């Protein structure tokens, strides 16, 4: 039986943000963020240039994946004025229901203000505390040094470099592979 959104206690709250399941109402903000090359250049699946109505299609697909139990996507907004900050995603592993890949994107207008770490920390805590996951992993482009630093600050440990196909870049890229398990999360104060 699928678990309803209300059972997870959304919206999640951090010091300055609230995170809630993505909705079609978020399409305008997602679209604007994805039109910025600097915001999407280190992503493997967000095309550039971003297609007209791309966000509406993306969110519709994300909602269908959520209903299938394979994906969860949260929109992050500032608590004080509801400004869109970015999103946090969990893609559940097909072969291990307790494992998921994390992803996040932060809109460039708030870079350098700590929102990336705050939304990622809230999402990771949610994955372990509320969803009961046992391990998380992240794949980060080698050249994306700010995101590599952030992932390490969040307690994720470097495992290896792997080559992945980045369909949105129409090429293969090397990424750093990071892991975090429930025990290490708890030990780090989770």
N, C-alpha and C. Protein backbone atom coordinates (compact mmCIF):
# COMPACT_ATOMS: atom_id res chain seq x y z
N UNK A 1 0.85 -1.19 0.00
CA UNK A 1 0.00 0.00 0.00
C UNK A 1 0.89 1.25 0.00
N UNK A 2 0.69 2.16 -0.96
CA UNK A 2 1.51 3.37 -1.01
C UNK A 2 1.31 4.24 0.23
N UNK A 3 2.38 4.87 0.64
CA UNK A 3 2.31 5.79 1.77
C UNK A 3 1.93 7.16 1.24
N UNK A 4 1.01 7.82 1.91
CA UNK A 4 0.55 9.12 1.43
C UNK A 4 1.55 10.20 1.82
N UNK A 5 1.51 11.32 1.08
CA UNK A 5 2.39 12.44 1.38
C UNK A 5 2.19 12.94 2.81
N UNK A 6 0.96 12.96 3.28
CA UNK A 6 0.68 13.48 4.62
C UNK A 6 1.39 12.67 5.70
N UNK A 7 1.61 11.39 5.47
CA UNK A 7 2.27 10.55 6.46
C UNK A 7 3.73 10.91 6.66
N UNK A 8 4.32 11.65 5.75
CA UNK A 8 5.72 12.03 5.88
C UNK A 8 5.90 13.35 6.61
N UNK A 9 4.84 14.05 6.92
CA UNK A 9 4.94 15.30 7.66
C UNK A 9 5.41 16.48 6.83
N UNK A 10 5.06 16.53 5.56
CA UNK A 10 5.44 17.66 4.73
C UNK A 10 4.62 18.88 5.13
N UNK A 11 5.13 20.07 4.99
CA UNK A 11 6.47 20.33 4.47
C UNK A 11 7.55 20.08 5.53
N UNK A 12 8.74 19.70 5.05
CA UNK A 12 9.90 19.59 5.92
C UNK A 12 10.38 21.01 6.18
N UNK A 13 10.93 21.25 7.34
CA UNK A 13 11.44 22.60 7.65
C UNK A 13 12.87 22.52 8.13
N UNK A 14 13.67 23.48 7.67
CA UNK A 14 15.03 23.67 8.16
C UNK A 14 15.07 25.09 8.73
N UNK A 15 16.24 25.59 9.03
CA UNK A 15 16.33 26.93 9.62
C UNK A 15 15.67 28.00 8.76
N UNK A 16 15.90 27.94 7.45
CA UNK A 16 15.38 28.99 6.56
C UNK A 16 14.48 28.50 5.45
N UNK A 17 14.33 27.19 5.32
CA UNK A 17 13.63 26.63 4.17
C UNK A 17 12.47 25.74 4.57
N UNK A 18 11.55 25.56 3.64
CA UNK A 18 10.60 24.46 3.73
C UNK A 18 10.68 23.69 2.42
N UNK A 19 10.57 22.37 2.54
CA UNK A 19 10.62 21.48 1.38
C UNK A 19 9.32 20.71 1.35
N UNK A 20 8.73 20.65 0.17
CA UNK A 20 7.48 19.91 0.01
C UNK A 20 7.48 19.23 -1.35
N UNK A 21 6.65 18.22 -1.51
CA UNK A 21 6.62 17.51 -2.79
C UNK A 21 6.40 18.49 -3.95
N UNK A 22 7.16 18.27 -5.01
CA UNK A 22 7.05 19.10 -6.20
C UNK A 22 5.61 19.01 -6.72
N UNK A 23 5.14 20.08 -7.29
CA UNK A 23 3.78 20.14 -7.85
C UNK A 23 3.82 20.92 -9.16
N UNK A 24 2.81 20.76 -9.96
CA UNK A 24 2.76 21.49 -11.23
C UNK A 24 2.81 23.00 -11.02
N UNK A 25 2.37 23.46 -9.86
CA UNK A 25 2.45 24.89 -9.54
C UNK A 25 3.90 25.38 -9.50
N UNK A 26 4.86 24.48 -9.33
CA UNK A 26 6.27 24.85 -9.27
C UNK A 26 6.91 24.99 -10.65
N UNK A 27 6.17 24.67 -11.71
CA UNK A 27 6.74 24.61 -13.05
C UNK A 27 7.39 25.92 -13.48
N UNK A 28 6.80 27.04 -13.20
CA UNK A 28 7.38 28.33 -13.61
C UNK A 28 8.75 28.57 -12.99
N UNK A 29 8.88 28.27 -11.71
CA UNK A 29 10.17 28.46 -11.03
C UNK A 29 11.21 27.46 -11.51
N UNK A 30 10.81 26.21 -11.71
CA UNK A 30 11.73 25.20 -12.22
C UNK A 30 12.18 25.58 -13.63
N UNK A 31 11.25 26.02 -14.46
CA UNK A 31 11.57 26.42 -15.82
C UNK A 31 12.60 27.54 -15.81
N UNK A 32 12.38 28.57 -15.01
CA UNK A 32 13.30 29.71 -14.96
C UNK A 32 14.69 29.26 -14.50
N UNK A 33 14.76 28.40 -13.52
CA UNK A 33 16.05 27.92 -13.02
C UNK A 33 16.80 27.13 -14.08
N UNK A 34 16.09 26.31 -14.82
CA UNK A 34 16.72 25.43 -15.81
C UNK A 34 17.09 26.16 -17.09
N UNK A 35 16.66 27.38 -17.27
CA UNK A 35 17.06 28.17 -18.43
C UNK A 35 18.46 28.75 -18.25
N UNK A 36 19.00 28.66 -17.04
CA UNK A 36 20.31 29.21 -16.71
C UNK A 36 21.40 28.14 -16.87
N UNK A 37 22.26 28.30 -17.86
CA UNK A 37 23.31 27.32 -18.13
C UNK A 37 24.17 27.06 -16.89
N UNK A 38 24.53 28.08 -16.14
CA UNK A 38 25.38 27.88 -14.96
C UNK A 38 24.71 27.00 -13.92
N UNK A 39 23.41 27.05 -13.84
CA UNK A 39 22.68 26.23 -12.87
C UNK A 39 22.61 24.76 -13.28
N UNK A 40 22.64 24.48 -14.58
CA UNK A 40 22.42 23.10 -15.03
C UNK A 40 23.65 22.44 -15.66
N UNK A 41 24.74 23.15 -15.80
CA UNK A 41 25.88 22.63 -16.56
C UNK A 41 26.48 21.36 -15.98
N UNK A 42 26.35 21.14 -14.67
CA UNK A 42 26.91 19.94 -14.05
C UNK A 42 25.84 18.89 -13.76
N UNK A 43 24.79 18.90 -14.54
CA UNK A 43 23.75 17.87 -14.40
C UNK A 43 23.82 16.95 -15.61
N UNK A 44 23.47 15.71 -15.38
CA UNK A 44 23.54 14.75 -16.49
C UNK A 44 22.23 14.62 -17.25
N UNK A 45 21.14 15.09 -16.66
CA UNK A 45 19.85 14.83 -17.30
C UNK A 45 19.04 16.08 -17.65
N UNK A 46 19.46 17.26 -17.24
CA UNK A 46 18.70 18.47 -17.57
C UNK A 46 19.26 19.03 -18.88
N UNK A 47 18.46 19.01 -19.94
CA UNK A 47 18.95 19.48 -21.25
C UNK A 47 19.17 20.99 -21.25
N UNK A 48 20.05 21.41 -22.13
CA UNK A 48 20.26 22.84 -22.36
C UNK A 48 20.53 23.03 -23.84
N UNK A 49 19.84 23.95 -24.49
CA UNK A 49 18.84 24.83 -23.89
C UNK A 49 17.62 24.04 -23.42
N UNK A 50 17.02 24.54 -22.36
CA UNK A 50 15.88 23.87 -21.77
C UNK A 50 14.65 24.11 -22.65
N UNK A 51 13.91 23.05 -22.96
CA UNK A 51 12.78 23.23 -23.88
C UNK A 51 11.62 24.03 -23.25
N UNK A 52 10.89 24.69 -24.11
CA UNK A 52 9.68 25.39 -23.67
C UNK A 52 8.75 24.36 -23.04
N UNK A 53 8.18 24.67 -21.91
CA UNK A 53 7.32 23.77 -21.14
C UNK A 53 8.05 22.51 -20.65
N UNK A 54 9.38 22.57 -20.62
CA UNK A 54 10.16 21.44 -20.14
C UNK A 54 9.87 21.12 -18.69
N UNK A 55 9.68 22.14 -17.87
CA UNK A 55 9.43 21.92 -16.44
C UNK A 55 8.09 21.21 -16.22
N UNK A 56 7.08 21.59 -16.96
CA UNK A 56 5.78 20.94 -16.80
C UNK A 56 5.89 19.46 -17.15
N UNK A 57 6.59 19.14 -18.22
CA UNK A 57 6.79 17.74 -18.59
C UNK A 57 7.60 17.00 -17.53
N UNK A 58 8.68 17.63 -17.07
CA UNK A 58 9.54 17.03 -16.05
C UNK A 58 8.76 16.74 -14.77
N UNK A 59 7.97 17.70 -14.31
CA UNK A 59 7.22 17.51 -13.07
C UNK A 59 6.14 16.44 -13.25
N UNK A 60 5.47 16.42 -14.39
CA UNK A 60 4.47 15.38 -14.65
C UNK A 60 5.11 14.00 -14.58
N UNK A 61 6.31 13.86 -15.18
CA UNK A 61 7.03 12.58 -15.13
C UNK A 61 7.47 12.26 -13.71
N UNK A 62 7.93 13.26 -12.97
CA UNK A 62 8.36 13.05 -11.58
C UNK A 62 7.19 12.58 -10.71
N UNK A 63 6.02 13.14 -10.93
CA UNK A 63 4.84 12.73 -10.17
C UNK A 63 4.44 11.29 -10.50
N UNK A 64 4.56 10.91 -11.77
CA UNK A 64 4.25 9.53 -12.16
C UNK A 64 5.25 8.56 -11.51
N UNK A 65 6.52 8.93 -11.49
CA UNK A 65 7.54 8.08 -10.84
C UNK A 65 7.30 8.00 -9.33
N UNK A 66 6.86 9.11 -8.75
CA UNK A 66 6.53 9.09 -7.32
C UNK A 66 5.40 8.09 -7.07
N UNK A 67 4.38 8.12 -7.90
CA UNK A 67 3.25 7.21 -7.74
C UNK A 67 3.66 5.75 -7.92
N UNK A 68 4.72 5.51 -8.70
CA UNK A 68 5.25 4.16 -8.89
C UNK A 68 6.20 3.76 -7.76
N UNK A 69 6.54 4.73 -6.90
CA UNK A 69 7.43 4.46 -5.78
C UNK A 69 8.90 4.43 -6.14
N UNK A 70 9.28 5.02 -7.28
CA UNK A 70 10.68 4.98 -7.70
C UNK A 70 11.41 6.30 -7.53
N UNK A 71 10.70 7.37 -7.22
CA UNK A 71 11.32 8.70 -7.21
C UNK A 71 10.54 9.61 -6.27
N UNK A 72 11.25 10.48 -5.60
CA UNK A 72 10.63 11.50 -4.77
C UNK A 72 11.37 12.80 -5.01
N UNK A 73 10.64 13.86 -5.33
CA UNK A 73 11.24 15.16 -5.63
C UNK A 73 10.58 16.23 -4.77
N UNK A 74 11.41 16.98 -4.07
CA UNK A 74 10.92 18.03 -3.19
C UNK A 74 11.38 19.40 -3.69
N UNK A 75 10.47 20.34 -3.72
CA UNK A 75 10.81 21.73 -4.04
C UNK A 75 11.18 22.43 -2.73
N UNK A 76 12.23 23.24 -2.78
CA UNK A 76 12.68 23.98 -1.60
C UNK A 76 12.40 25.46 -1.81
N UNK A 77 11.82 26.07 -0.77
CA UNK A 77 11.50 27.49 -0.81
C UNK A 77 11.90 28.14 0.50
N UNK A 78 12.19 29.44 0.43
CA UNK A 78 12.51 30.19 1.65
C UNK A 78 11.26 30.29 2.51
N UNK A 79 11.44 30.14 3.81
CA UNK A 79 10.30 30.25 4.72
C UNK A 79 9.75 31.68 4.79
N UNK A 80 10.62 32.67 4.69
CA UNK A 80 10.15 34.04 4.91
C UNK A 80 9.32 34.61 3.76
N UNK A 81 9.63 34.20 2.50
CA UNK A 81 8.87 34.78 1.40
C UNK A 81 8.49 33.77 0.30
N UNK A 82 8.74 32.50 0.53
CA UNK A 82 8.40 31.40 -0.39
C UNK A 82 9.15 31.45 -1.72
N UNK A 83 10.26 32.18 -1.77
CA UNK A 83 11.08 32.21 -2.98
C UNK A 83 11.63 30.82 -3.26
N UNK A 84 11.52 30.40 -4.50
CA UNK A 84 12.05 29.10 -4.93
C UNK A 84 13.57 29.12 -4.83
N UNK A 85 14.13 28.07 -4.19
CA UNK A 85 15.56 27.97 -3.98
C UNK A 85 16.15 26.82 -4.80
N UNK A 86 15.39 25.74 -4.98
CA UNK A 86 15.90 24.60 -5.72
C UNK A 86 15.08 23.37 -5.42
N UNK A 87 15.71 22.20 -5.60
CA UNK A 87 14.98 20.95 -5.37
C UNK A 87 15.94 19.87 -4.90
N UNK A 88 15.36 18.89 -4.25
CA UNK A 88 16.10 17.73 -3.75
C UNK A 88 15.37 16.49 -4.22
N UNK A 89 16.11 15.54 -4.79
CA UNK A 89 15.49 14.33 -5.31
C UNK A 89 16.09 13.07 -4.73
N UNK A 90 15.27 12.04 -4.66
CA UNK A 90 15.69 10.69 -4.28
C UNK A 90 15.22 9.74 -5.37
N UNK A 91 16.16 9.03 -5.99
CA UNK A 91 15.83 7.99 -6.96
C UNK A 91 16.11 6.66 -6.29
N UNK A 92 15.06 5.90 -6.03
CA UNK A 92 15.19 4.66 -5.28
C UNK A 92 15.79 3.56 -6.14
N UNK A 93 16.76 2.84 -5.58
CA UNK A 93 17.43 1.76 -6.29
C UNK A 93 16.45 0.63 -6.58
N UNK A 94 16.48 0.13 -7.80
CA UNK A 94 15.57 -0.96 -8.19
C UNK A 94 15.87 -2.24 -7.43
N UNK A 95 17.15 -2.49 -7.16
CA UNK A 95 17.55 -3.76 -6.55
C UNK A 95 17.63 -3.71 -5.03
N UNK A 96 17.42 -2.53 -4.43
CA UNK A 96 17.52 -2.40 -2.98
C UNK A 96 16.60 -1.27 -2.53
N UNK A 97 15.42 -1.60 -2.01
CA UNK A 97 14.45 -0.56 -1.65
C UNK A 97 14.92 0.36 -0.52
N UNK A 98 15.97 -0.02 0.19
CA UNK A 98 16.49 0.84 1.26
C UNK A 98 17.58 1.78 0.81
N UNK A 99 17.83 1.83 -0.48
CA UNK A 99 18.94 2.61 -1.03
C UNK A 99 18.42 3.59 -2.08
N UNK A 100 19.03 4.78 -2.12
CA UNK A 100 18.61 5.78 -3.11
C UNK A 100 19.77 6.68 -3.49
N UNK A 101 19.68 7.21 -4.70
CA UNK A 101 20.62 8.24 -5.15
C UNK A 101 20.01 9.59 -4.82
N UNK A 102 20.83 10.49 -4.26
CA UNK A 102 20.36 11.85 -4.02
C UNK A 102 20.77 12.74 -5.18
N UNK A 103 19.97 13.75 -5.40
CA UNK A 103 20.30 14.79 -6.37
C UNK A 103 19.72 16.10 -5.86
N UNK A 104 20.34 17.17 -6.26
CA UNK A 104 19.82 18.48 -5.87
C UNK A 104 20.27 19.50 -6.88
N UNK A 105 19.54 20.57 -6.95
CA UNK A 105 19.92 21.71 -7.78
C UNK A 105 19.50 22.96 -7.02
N UNK A 106 20.35 23.97 -7.08
CA UNK A 106 20.11 25.23 -6.39
C UNK A 106 20.11 26.34 -7.43
N UNK A 107 19.10 27.17 -7.41
CA UNK A 107 19.02 28.25 -8.38
C UNK A 107 20.14 29.26 -8.13
N UNK A 108 20.74 29.75 -9.19
CA UNK A 108 21.94 30.57 -9.08
C UNK A 108 21.74 31.84 -8.25
N UNK A 109 20.55 32.37 -8.21
CA UNK A 109 20.32 33.63 -7.47
C UNK A 109 20.59 33.50 -5.98
N UNK A 110 20.68 32.26 -5.46
CA UNK A 110 20.94 32.08 -4.02
C UNK A 110 22.28 31.37 -3.76
N UNK A 111 23.10 31.19 -4.77
CA UNK A 111 24.40 30.56 -4.56
C UNK A 111 25.21 31.35 -3.54
N UNK A 112 26.01 30.65 -2.78
CA UNK A 112 26.91 31.29 -1.82
C UNK A 112 26.24 31.70 -0.51
N UNK A 113 24.98 31.31 -0.32
CA UNK A 113 24.26 31.70 0.89
C UNK A 113 23.96 30.51 1.80
N UNK A 114 24.49 29.33 1.47
CA UNK A 114 24.31 28.15 2.30
C UNK A 114 23.02 27.38 2.07
N UNK A 115 22.23 27.78 1.08
CA UNK A 115 20.96 27.09 0.85
C UNK A 115 21.15 25.69 0.29
N UNK A 116 22.20 25.47 -0.51
CA UNK A 116 22.46 24.14 -1.05
C UNK A 116 22.67 23.12 0.06
N UNK A 117 23.53 23.47 1.01
CA UNK A 117 23.77 22.58 2.14
C UNK A 117 22.54 22.38 2.99
N UNK A 118 21.78 23.44 3.17
CA UNK A 118 20.59 23.35 4.01
C UNK A 118 19.52 22.46 3.37
N UNK A 119 19.29 22.62 2.07
CA UNK A 119 18.26 21.78 1.44
C UNK A 119 18.73 20.34 1.32
N UNK A 120 20.02 20.12 1.03
CA UNK A 120 20.53 18.75 0.94
C UNK A 120 20.51 18.07 2.31
N UNK A 121 20.89 18.79 3.36
CA UNK A 121 20.86 18.22 4.72
C UNK A 121 19.42 17.84 5.08
N UNK A 122 18.47 18.71 4.80
CA UNK A 122 17.06 18.40 5.12
C UNK A 122 16.60 17.16 4.36
N UNK A 123 16.99 17.06 3.09
CA UNK A 123 16.60 15.90 2.28
C UNK A 123 17.24 14.61 2.77
N UNK A 124 18.53 14.66 3.12
CA UNK A 124 19.22 13.48 3.63
C UNK A 124 18.62 13.04 4.96
N UNK A 125 18.40 14.00 5.86
CA UNK A 125 17.79 13.65 7.15
C UNK A 125 16.42 13.00 6.94
N UNK A 126 15.66 13.54 6.03
CA UNK A 126 14.33 13.00 5.71
C UNK A 126 14.45 11.56 5.19
N UNK A 127 15.43 11.32 4.32
CA UNK A 127 15.60 9.99 3.72
C UNK A 127 15.86 8.94 4.80
N UNK A 128 16.70 9.27 5.76
CA UNK A 128 17.03 8.30 6.81
C UNK A 128 15.97 8.28 7.92
N UNK A 129 15.59 9.45 8.41
CA UNK A 129 14.69 9.54 9.56
C UNK A 129 13.25 9.15 9.22
N UNK A 130 12.72 9.70 8.15
CA UNK A 130 11.30 9.52 7.84
C UNK A 130 11.02 8.36 6.88
N UNK A 131 11.92 8.18 5.92
CA UNK A 131 11.69 7.14 4.92
C UNK A 131 12.35 5.82 5.29
N UNK A 132 13.22 5.84 6.30
CA UNK A 132 13.85 4.62 6.78
C UNK A 132 14.88 4.01 5.84
N UNK A 133 15.46 4.82 4.95
CA UNK A 133 16.46 4.28 4.04
C UNK A 133 17.72 3.86 4.81
N UNK A 134 18.46 2.92 4.24
CA UNK A 134 19.67 2.42 4.89
C UNK A 134 20.94 3.00 4.29
N UNK A 135 20.89 3.45 3.03
CA UNK A 135 22.09 4.06 2.44
C UNK A 135 21.71 4.98 1.28
N UNK A 136 22.57 5.97 1.08
CA UNK A 136 22.40 6.95 0.00
C UNK A 136 23.70 7.04 -0.77
N UNK A 137 23.59 7.40 -2.03
CA UNK A 137 24.79 7.69 -2.81
C UNK A 137 24.55 8.91 -3.67
N UNK A 138 25.65 9.52 -4.10
CA UNK A 138 25.58 10.70 -4.96
C UNK A 138 26.67 10.59 -6.00
N UNK A 139 26.38 11.09 -7.19
CA UNK A 139 27.37 11.16 -8.27
C UNK A 139 27.54 12.63 -8.63
N UNK A 140 28.79 13.12 -8.54
CA UNK A 140 29.06 14.55 -8.73
C UNK A 140 30.13 14.72 -9.80
N UNK A 141 29.86 15.55 -10.79
CA UNK A 141 30.84 15.83 -11.83
C UNK A 141 32.16 16.23 -11.18
N UNK A 142 33.27 15.72 -11.69
CA UNK A 142 34.59 16.05 -11.14
C UNK A 142 34.82 17.55 -11.11
N UNK A 143 34.42 18.24 -12.16
CA UNK A 143 34.68 19.67 -12.27
C UNK A 143 33.80 20.53 -11.36
N UNK A 144 32.79 19.94 -10.75
CA UNK A 144 31.87 20.71 -9.90
C UNK A 144 32.41 20.73 -8.47
N UNK A 145 33.47 21.50 -8.28
CA UNK A 145 34.15 21.52 -6.98
C UNK A 145 33.24 22.01 -5.85
N UNK A 146 32.40 23.04 -6.04
CA UNK A 146 31.51 23.44 -4.94
C UNK A 146 30.61 22.29 -4.47
N UNK A 147 30.07 21.52 -5.39
CA UNK A 147 29.19 20.42 -5.01
C UNK A 147 29.98 19.29 -4.37
N UNK A 148 31.19 19.02 -4.86
CA UNK A 148 32.03 18.01 -4.23
C UNK A 148 32.34 18.39 -2.78
N UNK A 149 32.67 19.66 -2.54
CA UNK A 149 32.93 20.11 -1.16
C UNK A 149 31.68 19.95 -0.30
N UNK A 150 30.53 20.34 -0.85
CA UNK A 150 29.28 20.25 -0.10
C UNK A 150 28.96 18.81 0.28
N UNK A 151 29.08 17.90 -0.66
CA UNK A 151 28.77 16.49 -0.39
C UNK A 151 29.66 15.96 0.73
N UNK A 152 30.95 16.31 0.71
CA UNK A 152 31.85 15.86 1.78
C UNK A 152 31.47 16.47 3.11
N UNK A 153 31.08 17.75 3.13
CA UNK A 153 30.64 18.39 4.38
C UNK A 153 29.39 17.72 4.95
N UNK A 154 28.57 17.16 4.07
CA UNK A 154 27.36 16.47 4.51
C UNK A 154 27.65 15.08 5.07
N UNK A 155 28.92 14.69 5.07
CA UNK A 155 29.31 13.41 5.65
C UNK A 155 29.41 12.26 4.66
N UNK A 156 29.18 12.55 3.40
CA UNK A 156 29.29 11.48 2.41
C UNK A 156 30.76 11.21 2.13
N UNK A 157 31.11 9.94 1.99
CA UNK A 157 32.51 9.57 1.78
C UNK A 157 32.75 9.21 0.31
N UNK A 158 33.88 9.66 -0.19
CA UNK A 158 34.28 9.36 -1.55
C UNK A 158 34.55 7.86 -1.67
N UNK A 159 34.03 7.25 -2.73
CA UNK A 159 34.25 5.82 -2.98
C UNK A 159 35.12 5.58 -4.21
N UNK A 160 34.79 6.27 -5.31
CA UNK A 160 35.50 5.99 -6.56
C UNK A 160 35.11 7.02 -7.61
N UNK A 161 35.85 7.01 -8.70
CA UNK A 161 35.49 7.78 -9.88
C UNK A 161 34.89 6.80 -10.88
N UNK A 162 33.74 7.16 -11.44
CA UNK A 162 33.09 6.32 -12.45
C UNK A 162 32.75 7.18 -13.66
N UNK A 163 32.62 6.54 -14.77
CA UNK A 163 32.21 7.21 -16.01
C UNK A 163 30.75 6.90 -16.23
N UNK A 164 29.96 7.95 -16.45
CA UNK A 164 28.53 7.76 -16.70
C UNK A 164 28.17 8.45 -18.01
N UNK A 165 27.07 8.04 -18.56
CA UNK A 165 26.55 8.73 -19.74
C UNK A 165 25.67 9.88 -19.26
N UNK A 166 25.91 11.04 -19.80
CA UNK A 166 25.13 12.23 -19.47
C UNK A 166 24.29 12.58 -20.69
N UNK A 167 23.07 12.04 -20.79
CA UNK A 167 22.27 12.26 -22.00
C UNK A 167 22.05 13.72 -22.33
N UNK A 168 21.91 14.55 -21.33
CA UNK A 168 21.67 15.97 -21.59
C UNK A 168 22.91 16.66 -22.15
N UNK A 169 24.08 16.09 -21.95
CA UNK A 169 25.32 16.65 -22.48
C UNK A 169 25.78 15.89 -23.72
N UNK A 170 25.07 14.80 -24.05
CA UNK A 170 25.38 13.97 -25.23
C UNK A 170 26.82 13.47 -25.20
N UNK A 171 27.26 13.10 -23.99
CA UNK A 171 28.62 12.57 -23.86
C UNK A 171 28.73 11.76 -22.57
N UNK A 172 29.87 11.12 -22.41
CA UNK A 172 30.18 10.45 -21.15
C UNK A 172 31.02 11.39 -20.31
N UNK A 173 30.82 11.34 -18.99
CA UNK A 173 31.57 12.21 -18.08
C UNK A 173 32.04 11.39 -16.89
N UNK A 174 33.15 11.83 -16.30
CA UNK A 174 33.64 11.23 -15.07
C UNK A 174 32.99 11.92 -13.89
N UNK A 175 32.57 11.12 -12.93
CA UNK A 175 31.94 11.65 -11.72
C UNK A 175 32.57 11.00 -10.49
N UNK A 176 32.59 11.75 -9.41
CA UNK A 176 32.95 11.19 -8.11
C UNK A 176 31.72 10.50 -7.53
N UNK A 177 31.91 9.31 -7.00
CA UNK A 177 30.83 8.53 -6.40
C UNK A 177 31.01 8.61 -4.88
N UNK A 178 29.97 9.06 -4.19
CA UNK A 178 29.99 9.19 -2.74
C UNK A 178 28.92 8.30 -2.13
N UNK A 179 29.15 7.87 -0.89
CA UNK A 179 28.21 7.02 -0.16
C UNK A 179 27.99 7.56 1.25
N UNK A 180 26.83 7.28 1.78
CA UNK A 180 26.52 7.56 3.19
C UNK A 180 25.54 6.51 3.65
N UNK A 181 25.88 5.81 4.74
CA UNK A 181 24.93 4.82 5.27
C UNK A 181 24.32 5.35 6.56
N UNK A 182 23.27 4.68 6.97
CA UNK A 182 22.50 5.12 8.14
C UNK A 182 23.38 5.26 9.38
N UNK A 183 24.28 4.29 9.62
CA UNK A 183 25.13 4.32 10.81
C UNK A 183 26.03 5.55 10.81
N UNK A 184 26.64 5.87 9.66
CA UNK A 184 27.49 7.05 9.58
C UNK A 184 26.67 8.33 9.72
N UNK A 185 25.47 8.33 9.17
CA UNK A 185 24.58 9.49 9.32
C UNK A 185 24.27 9.73 10.79
N UNK A 186 23.90 8.66 11.51
CA UNK A 186 23.60 8.79 12.94
C UNK A 186 24.81 9.28 13.72
N UNK A 187 25.97 8.71 13.39
CA UNK A 187 27.21 9.08 14.06
C UNK A 187 27.54 10.56 13.84
N UNK A 188 27.15 11.08 12.67
CA UNK A 188 27.40 12.47 12.35
C UNK A 188 26.36 13.42 12.93
N UNK A 189 25.45 12.92 13.73
CA UNK A 189 24.46 13.78 14.37
C UNK A 189 23.09 13.74 13.75
N UNK A 190 22.88 12.81 12.82
CA UNK A 190 21.57 12.70 12.15
C UNK A 190 20.47 12.23 13.04
